[in-house]
Protein backbone atom coordinates (compact mmCIF):
# COMPACT_ATOMS: atom_id res chain seq x y z
CA MET A 1 2.29 11.85 10.88
CA ASN A 2 1.75 13.74 14.42
CA GLU A 3 -0.58 16.02 15.78
CA ASP A 4 0.74 18.70 18.53
CA ARG A 5 -2.30 17.06 21.09
CA GLY A 6 -1.18 14.70 23.49
CA LEU A 7 2.45 14.84 22.33
CA PRO A 8 4.81 15.38 25.77
CA ASN A 9 8.48 15.59 25.69
CA ALA A 10 10.52 12.88 25.13
CA MET A 11 11.29 9.51 27.18
CA SER A 12 11.20 11.56 30.73
CA ASN A 13 8.73 12.06 33.60
CA THR A 14 9.33 15.56 33.59
CA VAL A 15 7.04 16.70 30.44
CA PRO A 16 6.11 20.20 29.74
CA PRO A 17 2.30 20.53 28.59
CA PRO A 18 1.83 19.52 24.88
CA ALA A 19 1.95 21.58 22.25
CA LEU A 20 -2.02 21.68 20.64
CA PRO A 21 -3.28 22.56 17.05
CA ALA A 22 -3.71 25.83 15.55
CA GLY A 23 -6.79 27.16 17.37
CA ALA A 24 -6.89 25.18 19.85
CA ALA A 25 -4.43 27.04 22.22
CA ALA A 26 -7.10 26.46 24.90
CA ASP A 27 -8.27 23.06 24.68
CA PRO A 28 -7.64 20.71 27.17
CA TYR A 29 -4.92 18.33 26.62
CA LEU A 30 -6.48 15.06 26.18
CA PRO A 31 -4.98 11.98 27.20
CA GLY A 32 -4.06 8.43 26.28
CA LEU A 33 -3.76 9.77 22.49
CA THR A 34 0.75 10.19 22.81
CA GLY A 35 0.55 6.39 23.87
CA LEU A 36 -1.54 5.70 20.76
CA ARG A 37 0.72 7.79 18.41
CA ALA A 38 3.34 5.77 19.86
CA ILE A 39 1.48 1.77 18.83
CA ALA A 40 0.95 3.61 15.74
CA CYS A 41 4.64 4.22 14.78
CA LEU A 42 5.82 0.76 16.60
CA MET A 43 3.03 -0.71 14.43
CA VAL A 44 4.34 0.51 10.88
CA PHE A 45 8.15 -0.13 12.29
CA ALA A 46 7.11 -3.75 12.78
CA VAL A 47 5.93 -3.77 8.83
CA HIS A 48 9.65 -2.77 8.10
CA PHE A 49 11.03 -4.83 10.92
CA GLY A 50 8.38 -7.61 9.35
CA GLN A 51 9.98 -7.16 5.87
CA THR A 52 13.72 -7.69 6.49
CA THR A 53 13.50 -10.33 8.85
CA ARG A 54 10.63 -12.83 7.66
CA LEU A 55 9.86 -13.41 11.50
CA ASP A 56 7.47 -15.94 11.07
CA GLY A 57 5.43 -17.77 13.72
CA GLN A 58 1.60 -18.83 14.37
CA TRP A 59 -0.22 -20.22 17.71
CA TRP A 60 -4.03 -21.17 17.07
CA VAL A 61 -5.31 -18.56 14.36
CA PHE A 62 -3.02 -16.07 15.58
CA ASP A 63 -0.17 -15.47 12.45
CA LEU A 64 2.23 -13.50 13.75
CA GLY A 65 4.06 -12.50 10.12
CA GLN A 66 0.28 -11.29 8.91
CA TRP A 67 0.37 -9.76 11.89
CA MET A 68 3.55 -7.55 11.08
CA ALA A 69 2.26 -6.97 7.63
CA ASN A 70 -0.66 -5.55 8.63
CA GLY A 71 0.82 -2.94 11.56
CA ASN A 72 0.49 -0.82 8.73
CA ALA A 73 -3.29 -0.01 10.06
CA GLY A 74 -0.65 2.10 12.24
CA VAL A 75 -1.15 4.50 9.07
CA ALA A 76 -4.83 3.90 9.58
CA LEU A 77 -4.28 5.03 13.26
CA PHE A 78 -2.36 8.39 12.15
CA PHE A 79 -5.11 9.21 9.93
CA SER A 80 -8.07 9.12 11.89
CA LEU A 81 -6.27 11.04 14.73
CA SER A 82 -4.99 13.70 12.60
CA GLY A 83 -8.73 13.90 11.57
CA PHE A 84 -9.79 13.94 15.39
CA VAL A 85 -7.51 16.19 16.67
CA LEU A 86 -7.34 18.63 13.49
CA SER A 87 -11.77 19.08 13.76
CA LEU A 88 -11.70 19.44 17.06
CA PRO A 89 -11.40 22.92 17.42
CA HIS A 90 -13.87 23.71 14.26
CA TRP A 91 -16.33 21.43 16.43
CA ARG A 92 -15.94 23.52 19.91
CA ALA A 93 -16.36 26.61 18.00
CA VAL A 94 -19.51 25.42 16.55
CA GLN A 95 -21.23 24.19 19.97
CA ALA A 96 -19.82 27.55 21.46
CA GLY A 97 -21.76 29.60 18.99
CA GLU A 98 -18.30 31.40 17.28
CA ALA A 99 -16.61 31.68 14.36
CA PRO A 100 -14.07 28.40 12.58
CA PRO A 101 -10.87 28.74 13.69
CA ALA A 102 -8.21 31.23 11.84
CA LEU A 103 -7.08 29.88 8.35
CA GLY A 104 -3.71 31.34 8.70
CA PRO A 105 -2.74 30.15 11.89
CA TYR A 106 -3.85 26.89 11.13
CA LEU A 107 -1.94 26.19 7.92
CA LEU A 108 1.23 27.86 9.74
CA ARG A 109 0.90 25.64 12.18
CA ARG A 110 0.66 22.93 10.17
CA ALA A 111 3.32 23.76 7.77
CA ALA A 112 5.64 24.04 10.90
CA ARG A 113 4.33 20.79 12.24
CA VAL A 114 5.68 19.09 9.03
CA LEU A 115 7.74 20.55 6.64
CA PRO A 116 10.85 21.30 8.77
CA ALA A 117 11.73 17.70 10.14
CA TYR A 118 10.85 16.01 6.51
CA TYR A 119 12.49 18.75 5.19
CA VAL A 120 15.57 17.54 7.44
CA CYS A 121 14.98 13.95 6.79
CA LEU A 122 14.65 14.07 2.95
CA THR A 123 17.73 16.16 2.25
CA ALA A 124 19.78 14.08 4.58
CA LEU A 125 18.65 11.33 2.57
CA LEU A 126 19.50 13.51 -1.01
CA VAL A 127 22.94 14.48 0.18
CA ILE A 128 23.57 10.27 1.49
CA HIS A 129 22.16 9.23 -2.54
CA GLN A 130 24.38 11.65 -3.93
CA ALA A 131 21.04 12.31 -5.80
CA TRP A 132 22.70 15.49 -7.62
CA THR A 133 24.94 13.27 -9.34
CA LYS A 134 21.92 11.88 -11.32
CA ASP A 135 20.34 13.53 -13.97
CA ASP A 136 17.12 12.36 -13.81
CA LYS A 137 16.35 12.75 -9.95
CA ALA A 138 16.13 16.74 -10.39
CA MET A 139 11.99 16.15 -11.46
CA GLU A 140 11.63 13.52 -8.62
CA VAL A 141 13.56 15.87 -6.31
CA LEU A 142 11.05 18.81 -6.92
CA LEU A 143 8.55 16.33 -6.30
CA HIS A 144 9.28 15.92 -2.58
CA TYR A 145 9.61 19.07 -1.77
CA LEU A 146 6.63 19.82 -2.82
CA LEU A 147 5.11 17.13 -1.19
CA LEU A 148 3.62 16.87 -4.78
CA PHE A 149 5.68 13.49 -5.29
CA ASN A 150 2.74 10.79 -4.63
CA PHE A 151 0.52 11.92 -8.16
CA ASP A 152 3.63 9.93 -10.34
CA ALA A 153 4.06 6.25 -9.66
CA ARG A 154 7.67 6.31 -10.56
CA THR A 155 8.47 8.74 -6.95
CA ILE A 156 5.76 7.38 -4.56
CA PHE A 157 8.31 5.40 -2.89
CA ALA A 158 11.78 6.90 -4.78
CA ILE A 159 13.50 8.26 -2.35
CA ASN A 160 11.55 6.53 1.22
CA PRO A 161 8.50 4.70 1.28
CA PRO A 162 6.87 6.14 4.47
CA PHE A 163 7.20 9.74 3.02
CA TRP A 164 3.74 8.65 0.91
CA THR A 165 1.92 9.16 3.83
CA LEU A 166 3.39 12.97 4.46
CA ALA A 167 2.00 13.60 1.64
CA VAL A 168 -1.12 12.72 1.71
CA GLU A 169 -1.46 14.63 4.77
CA ALA A 170 -0.45 17.66 3.62
CA GLN A 171 -3.37 17.41 1.00
CA PHE A 172 -6.10 16.55 3.89
CA TYR A 173 -4.76 19.42 5.90
CA LEU A 174 -5.83 21.96 3.14
CA LEU A 175 -8.52 19.78 2.08
CA LEU A 176 -10.09 20.14 6.01
CA PRO A 177 -11.14 24.05 6.03
CA LEU A 178 -13.16 23.66 3.23
CA LEU A 179 -14.68 20.63 4.52
CA MET A 180 -15.60 21.84 7.82
CA TRP A 181 -17.22 24.47 5.96
CA ALA A 182 -19.26 21.95 3.96
CA VAL A 183 -20.16 20.30 6.58
CA ARG A 184 -21.21 22.95 8.76
CA SER A 185 -23.96 22.85 11.00
CA PRO A 186 -25.65 24.12 14.64
CA ARG A 187 -26.42 21.22 15.16
CA LEU A 188 -23.46 18.71 15.21
CA ASP A 189 -25.25 15.03 14.61
CA GLN A 190 -26.53 17.20 11.40
CA SER A 191 -22.47 17.42 10.45
CA MET A 192 -21.68 13.86 11.68
CA LEU A 193 -24.26 12.52 9.06
CA ARG A 194 -22.61 14.86 6.00
CA LEU A 195 -19.82 13.52 7.16
CA ALA A 196 -20.62 9.89 6.69
CA GLY A 197 -22.42 10.83 3.50
CA LEU A 198 -18.55 12.10 2.40
CA SER A 199 -16.92 8.77 3.36
CA LEU A 200 -20.01 6.69 1.54
CA LEU A 201 -19.32 9.33 -1.37
CA ALA A 202 -15.33 8.91 -1.20
CA TYR A 203 -15.00 5.24 -0.53
CA GLY A 204 -17.96 4.81 -3.67
CA VAL A 205 -15.36 7.08 -6.29
CA HIS A 206 -12.20 5.34 -5.59
CA VAL A 207 -13.82 1.57 -5.87
CA ALA A 208 -14.88 3.34 -9.76
CA VAL A 209 -12.15 5.25 -10.21
CA MET A 210 -10.25 1.58 -9.67
CA TRP A 211 -12.43 -0.64 -11.09
CA SER A 212 -12.13 1.37 -14.38
CA SER A 213 -7.95 1.60 -13.70
CA ALA A 214 -7.92 -2.12 -13.30
CA GLY A 215 -10.11 -3.05 -16.36
CA ALA A 216 -8.42 -0.15 -18.89
CA ALA A 217 -5.54 -1.83 -18.36
CA GLY A 218 -6.62 -5.15 -19.04
CA ALA A 219 -8.01 -3.97 -21.80
CA GLN A 220 -4.69 -3.16 -23.18
CA GLY A 221 -3.18 -6.49 -22.20
CA ALA A 222 -1.57 -5.08 -18.74
CA ALA A 223 -2.02 -6.62 -15.38
CA PRO A 224 -5.19 -5.32 -14.31
CA ASP A 225 -3.37 -3.49 -11.44
CA PRO A 226 -4.32 0.04 -10.05
CA SER A 227 -1.77 2.66 -10.62
CA PRO A 228 -0.24 2.96 -7.28
CA VAL A 229 -1.01 6.86 -7.49
CA LEU A 230 -4.61 5.65 -6.74
CA THR A 231 -4.04 3.11 -4.40
CA TYR A 232 -1.81 5.66 -1.91
CA SER A 233 -3.67 8.96 -3.46
CA LEU A 234 -5.85 11.17 -0.27
CA LEU A 235 -8.81 9.65 -2.16
CA ALA A 236 -8.40 6.64 -1.06
CA HIS A 237 -8.04 7.16 2.80
CA LEU A 238 -10.04 10.47 2.73
CA PRO A 239 -12.45 7.83 5.13
CA HIS A 240 -9.76 7.40 8.13
CA PHE A 241 -9.48 11.06 8.29
CA LEU A 242 -13.55 11.81 8.38
CA PHE A 243 -14.43 8.55 10.09
CA GLY A 244 -11.47 10.67 13.15
CA CYS A 245 -13.86 13.82 12.26
CA ILE A 246 -16.47 11.85 13.42
CA THR A 247 -15.54 10.91 16.11
CA ALA A 248 -14.69 14.42 16.82
CA ALA A 249 -17.70 15.84 16.70
CA PHE A 250 -19.24 12.80 18.80
CA PHE A 251 -16.85 13.32 21.16
CA THR A 252 -17.06 16.69 21.61
CA ALA A 253 -21.06 16.99 20.95
CA ASN A 254 -21.46 14.25 24.31
CA ARG A 255 -18.85 16.32 26.06
CA PHE A 256 -16.85 13.44 26.63
CA GLN A 257 -14.74 14.52 30.08
CA GLY A 258 -13.04 13.28 33.22
CA ARG A 259 -12.96 9.13 34.15
CA GLY A 260 -15.39 7.35 32.33
CA PRO A 261 -17.06 3.90 34.11
CA VAL A 262 -15.68 1.02 33.89
CA SER A 263 -18.11 -0.18 31.52
CA LEU A 264 -15.39 1.77 28.91
CA ASP A 265 -12.44 0.23 29.60
CA VAL A 266 -14.36 -3.13 28.86
CA VAL A 267 -15.54 -1.59 25.81
CA LEU A 268 -12.06 0.10 24.63
CA LEU A 269 -10.29 -4.24 25.61
CA LEU A 270 -12.75 -5.43 23.35
CA ALA A 271 -12.23 -3.01 20.14
CA VAL A 272 -8.35 -3.63 20.80
CA LEU A 273 -9.02 -7.19 20.29
CA GLY A 274 -11.36 -6.51 17.55
CA VAL A 275 -8.22 -5.19 15.61
CA VAL A 276 -5.92 -7.85 16.90
CA LEU A 277 -8.66 -10.79 16.00
CA THR A 278 -9.04 -9.09 12.38
CA LEU A 279 -5.77 -8.27 11.60
CA ALA A 280 -3.88 -11.71 13.20
CA THR A 281 -6.32 -14.28 12.14
CA PRO A 282 -8.08 -15.02 8.90
CA LEU A 283 -10.59 -12.50 9.84
CA ASP A 284 -8.18 -10.83 7.81
CA ALA A 285 -9.26 -11.96 4.59
CA LEU A 286 -13.06 -12.02 5.64
CA LEU A 287 -13.55 -8.41 6.36
CA GLN A 288 -12.14 -6.48 3.58
CA LEU A 289 -14.36 -4.42 1.31
CA PRO A 290 -13.41 -4.17 -2.33
CA PHE A 291 -10.31 -1.03 -2.56
CA GLY A 292 -10.84 -0.50 0.97
CA ARG A 293 -7.61 0.20 3.03
CA TYR A 294 -6.68 -1.35 6.11
CA ASN A 295 -10.22 -3.44 6.45
CA LEU A 296 -12.29 -0.12 5.81
CA PRO A 297 -14.32 0.06 7.58
CA PHE A 298 -14.25 -2.57 10.12
CA VAL A 299 -11.04 -1.71 11.50
CA PRO A 300 -10.61 2.03 11.28
CA ALA A 301 -13.87 1.98 12.82
CA LEU A 302 -12.51 0.29 15.73
CA LEU A 303 -9.70 2.32 15.91
CA CYS A 304 -11.83 5.45 16.13
CA LEU A 305 -13.68 4.11 18.91
CA ILE A 306 -10.33 3.43 20.69
CA ILE A 307 -9.59 6.87 20.02
CA LEU A 308 -12.56 7.54 21.39
CA LEU A 309 -12.44 6.02 24.42
CA ALA A 310 -8.73 6.34 25.40
CA PRO A 311 -9.50 9.98 27.37
CA VAL A 312 -12.26 9.14 29.48
CA THR A 313 -10.69 5.40 30.55
CA TRP A 314 -8.36 3.84 33.39
CA ILE A 315 -6.37 2.51 30.07
CA GLY A 316 -6.05 5.50 28.41
CA ARG A 317 -5.20 7.35 31.47
CA HIS A 318 -2.51 5.04 32.42
CA VAL A 319 -1.21 2.54 30.80
CA LEU A 320 -0.92 5.12 27.43
CA GLU A 321 0.06 7.51 29.59
CA TRP A 322 2.77 5.35 30.75
CA ALA A 323 6.01 7.69 30.46
CA PRO A 324 8.15 5.82 28.09
CA LEU A 325 4.87 4.98 25.54
CA ARG A 326 3.70 9.26 26.12
CA GLY A 327 8.04 9.38 25.56
CA ILE A 328 7.66 7.85 21.89
CA GLY A 329 4.47 9.49 20.97
CA VAL A 330 5.85 12.70 21.35
CA ILE A 331 8.80 11.70 19.18
CA SER A 332 6.60 9.40 17.36
CA TYR A 333 6.81 11.73 14.03
CA GLY A 334 10.83 11.12 13.83
CA VAL A 335 10.05 7.51 13.99
CA TYR A 336 7.62 7.60 11.70
CA ILE A 337 10.04 9.06 8.82
CA TYR A 338 13.72 7.86 9.99
CA HIS A 339 12.87 4.40 10.94
CA LEU A 340 13.21 2.76 7.58
CA PRO A 341 16.23 4.47 6.65
CA VAL A 342 17.64 3.32 10.69
CA GLN A 343 16.73 -0.23 9.52
CA ASN A 344 18.33 -0.09 6.05
CA ALA A 345 21.62 1.01 7.43
CA THR A 346 21.15 -1.49 10.24
CA ALA A 347 20.87 -4.11 8.08
CA ARG A 348 23.67 -2.76 6.35
CA ALA A 349 26.05 -2.38 8.55
CA MET A 350 25.23 -5.88 10.45
CA GLY A 351 25.85 -7.62 7.18
CA ARG A 352 29.61 -5.84 7.26
CA ALA A 353 29.82 -7.76 10.48
CA GLY A 354 29.50 -11.10 9.23
CA LEU A 355 25.72 -11.00 10.70
CA ASP A 356 22.62 -12.79 9.16
CA VAL A 357 20.05 -10.04 9.57
CA GLN A 358 16.98 -13.23 9.63
CA ALA A 359 19.21 -15.20 11.79
CA HIS A 360 20.28 -12.49 14.58
CA TRP A 361 16.25 -11.06 14.18
CA ALA A 362 16.82 -9.63 17.83
CA ILE A 363 19.53 -8.06 17.36
CA PHE A 364 18.64 -5.69 14.27
CA GLY A 365 15.01 -4.86 15.62
CA ALA A 366 17.10 -3.85 18.74
CA ALA A 367 19.87 -2.01 17.44
CA SER A 368 17.50 -0.20 14.87
CA LEU A 369 14.42 0.97 16.99
CA ALA A 370 17.24 2.08 19.76
CA VAL A 371 19.19 3.79 17.17
CA THR A 372 15.70 5.52 15.25
CA LEU A 373 14.76 6.86 19.00
CA ALA A 374 17.81 8.63 19.24
CA VAL A 375 17.63 10.08 15.83
CA ALA A 376 13.87 10.68 16.33
CA THR A 377 14.35 12.36 20.17
CA LEU A 378 17.33 14.60 18.23
CA SER A 379 14.70 15.41 15.14
CA TYR A 380 12.29 16.88 18.11
CA TRP A 381 14.69 18.65 20.42
CA LEU A 382 17.18 20.59 17.19
CA VAL A 383 13.82 20.82 15.25
CA GLU A 384 10.48 20.03 15.82
CA ARG A 385 10.41 21.50 18.65
CA TRP A 386 12.42 24.56 18.42
CA VAL A 387 9.80 25.35 15.24
CA LEU A 388 7.17 24.93 16.82
CA ARG A 389 8.11 27.23 20.19
CA ALA A 390 9.52 29.76 18.05
CA ILE A 391 6.32 30.53 16.27
CA ARG A 392 4.66 30.01 19.51
CA GLN A 393 6.59 33.21 20.71
CA ARG A 394 5.81 35.21 17.74
CA ARG A 395 2.31 34.63 17.85
CA GLN A 396 2.05 35.48 21.68
CA THR A 397 4.26 38.46 20.75
CA LEU A 398 1.48 39.83 18.15
CA VAL A 399 -1.26 38.82 20.10
CA ALA A 400 0.67 41.23 23.36
CA LEU A 401 1.10 44.13 20.89
CA SER A 402 -2.58 43.45 19.28
CA HIS A 403 -3.04 44.56 22.79
CA ARG A 404 -1.08 47.59 23.25
CA THR A 405 -2.77 49.12 20.46
């Protein structure tokens, strides 16, 4: 779920400059995005924490259980960040009158960023569960290694439920260059309008498919619930990615840089408040479009406003750049893919020790979070950072050789 911009090293004040996405090696570092990644992965952590502990509580109109359940909006934040970060090089190329970023390096970097840690986590889980002893697991395993498991309802959540977003991310990575070609225009405002049109089209097609699926199921006497293949598809989440792309085009066109006026901090705080109110109060039920994922378009629009303002506000440059939050941001990919297996293992360990997870929710939360952060940090240092550094060094060597010739 992580892109490279705004990902400093883990949990320290002495952090190296973050790696940047392919085609954006010269782009400046954007403050605040690292902290947003940390918040996104912690929101998803809270979802599964709440499902295990059933922790609940209410103060006035604020519902703690609802808030944690709606922490899955962290996925929407991840998706919009992906659209924002990965489309920035395209918009900057348009603004500079240059050719689009090269496709080969872009795909190589996307694969290097996502696949190594994912394969390590996937393989570890398969070994732990001894998948080779089960005769019916071969196709499931193959689909997971190919990141195609979200096309089969039996395999979407089979090994590690959070994995489904990685399949959607990978499919968006492949689609993005085509999307950028389709909407490319010398005028960024025209590109934004085209992306907005594509967002509406994607949502409309998704709704039509979902209604058709529900109707077909009802006609056969089954519960009129659409297949999870449709609910957890790229089509269902394409508007979230495209919102991020639109935000990046607006960011580029308006040359957002440096510290903005204090009024932008006020707008950022109001956007955060809007997200909280929507996710934790009865507004959640009111601000729902049919089959719209994560309160589309309301919460995704507010999240994109937060992304837009983070690099140019005091909050983004200080609060979101707080070293511990930055540290979690850099390892947020590992936090995301490892947190649920760690939570499950922690719950089993507490059960063997005679500790009820629901009664000792604080111990469960602290222990599972600490172990998750430790595993994610090891993943970053031993897998993610090593692979990205190796690719970067190889590219630098190839560039040096080309200059010599």
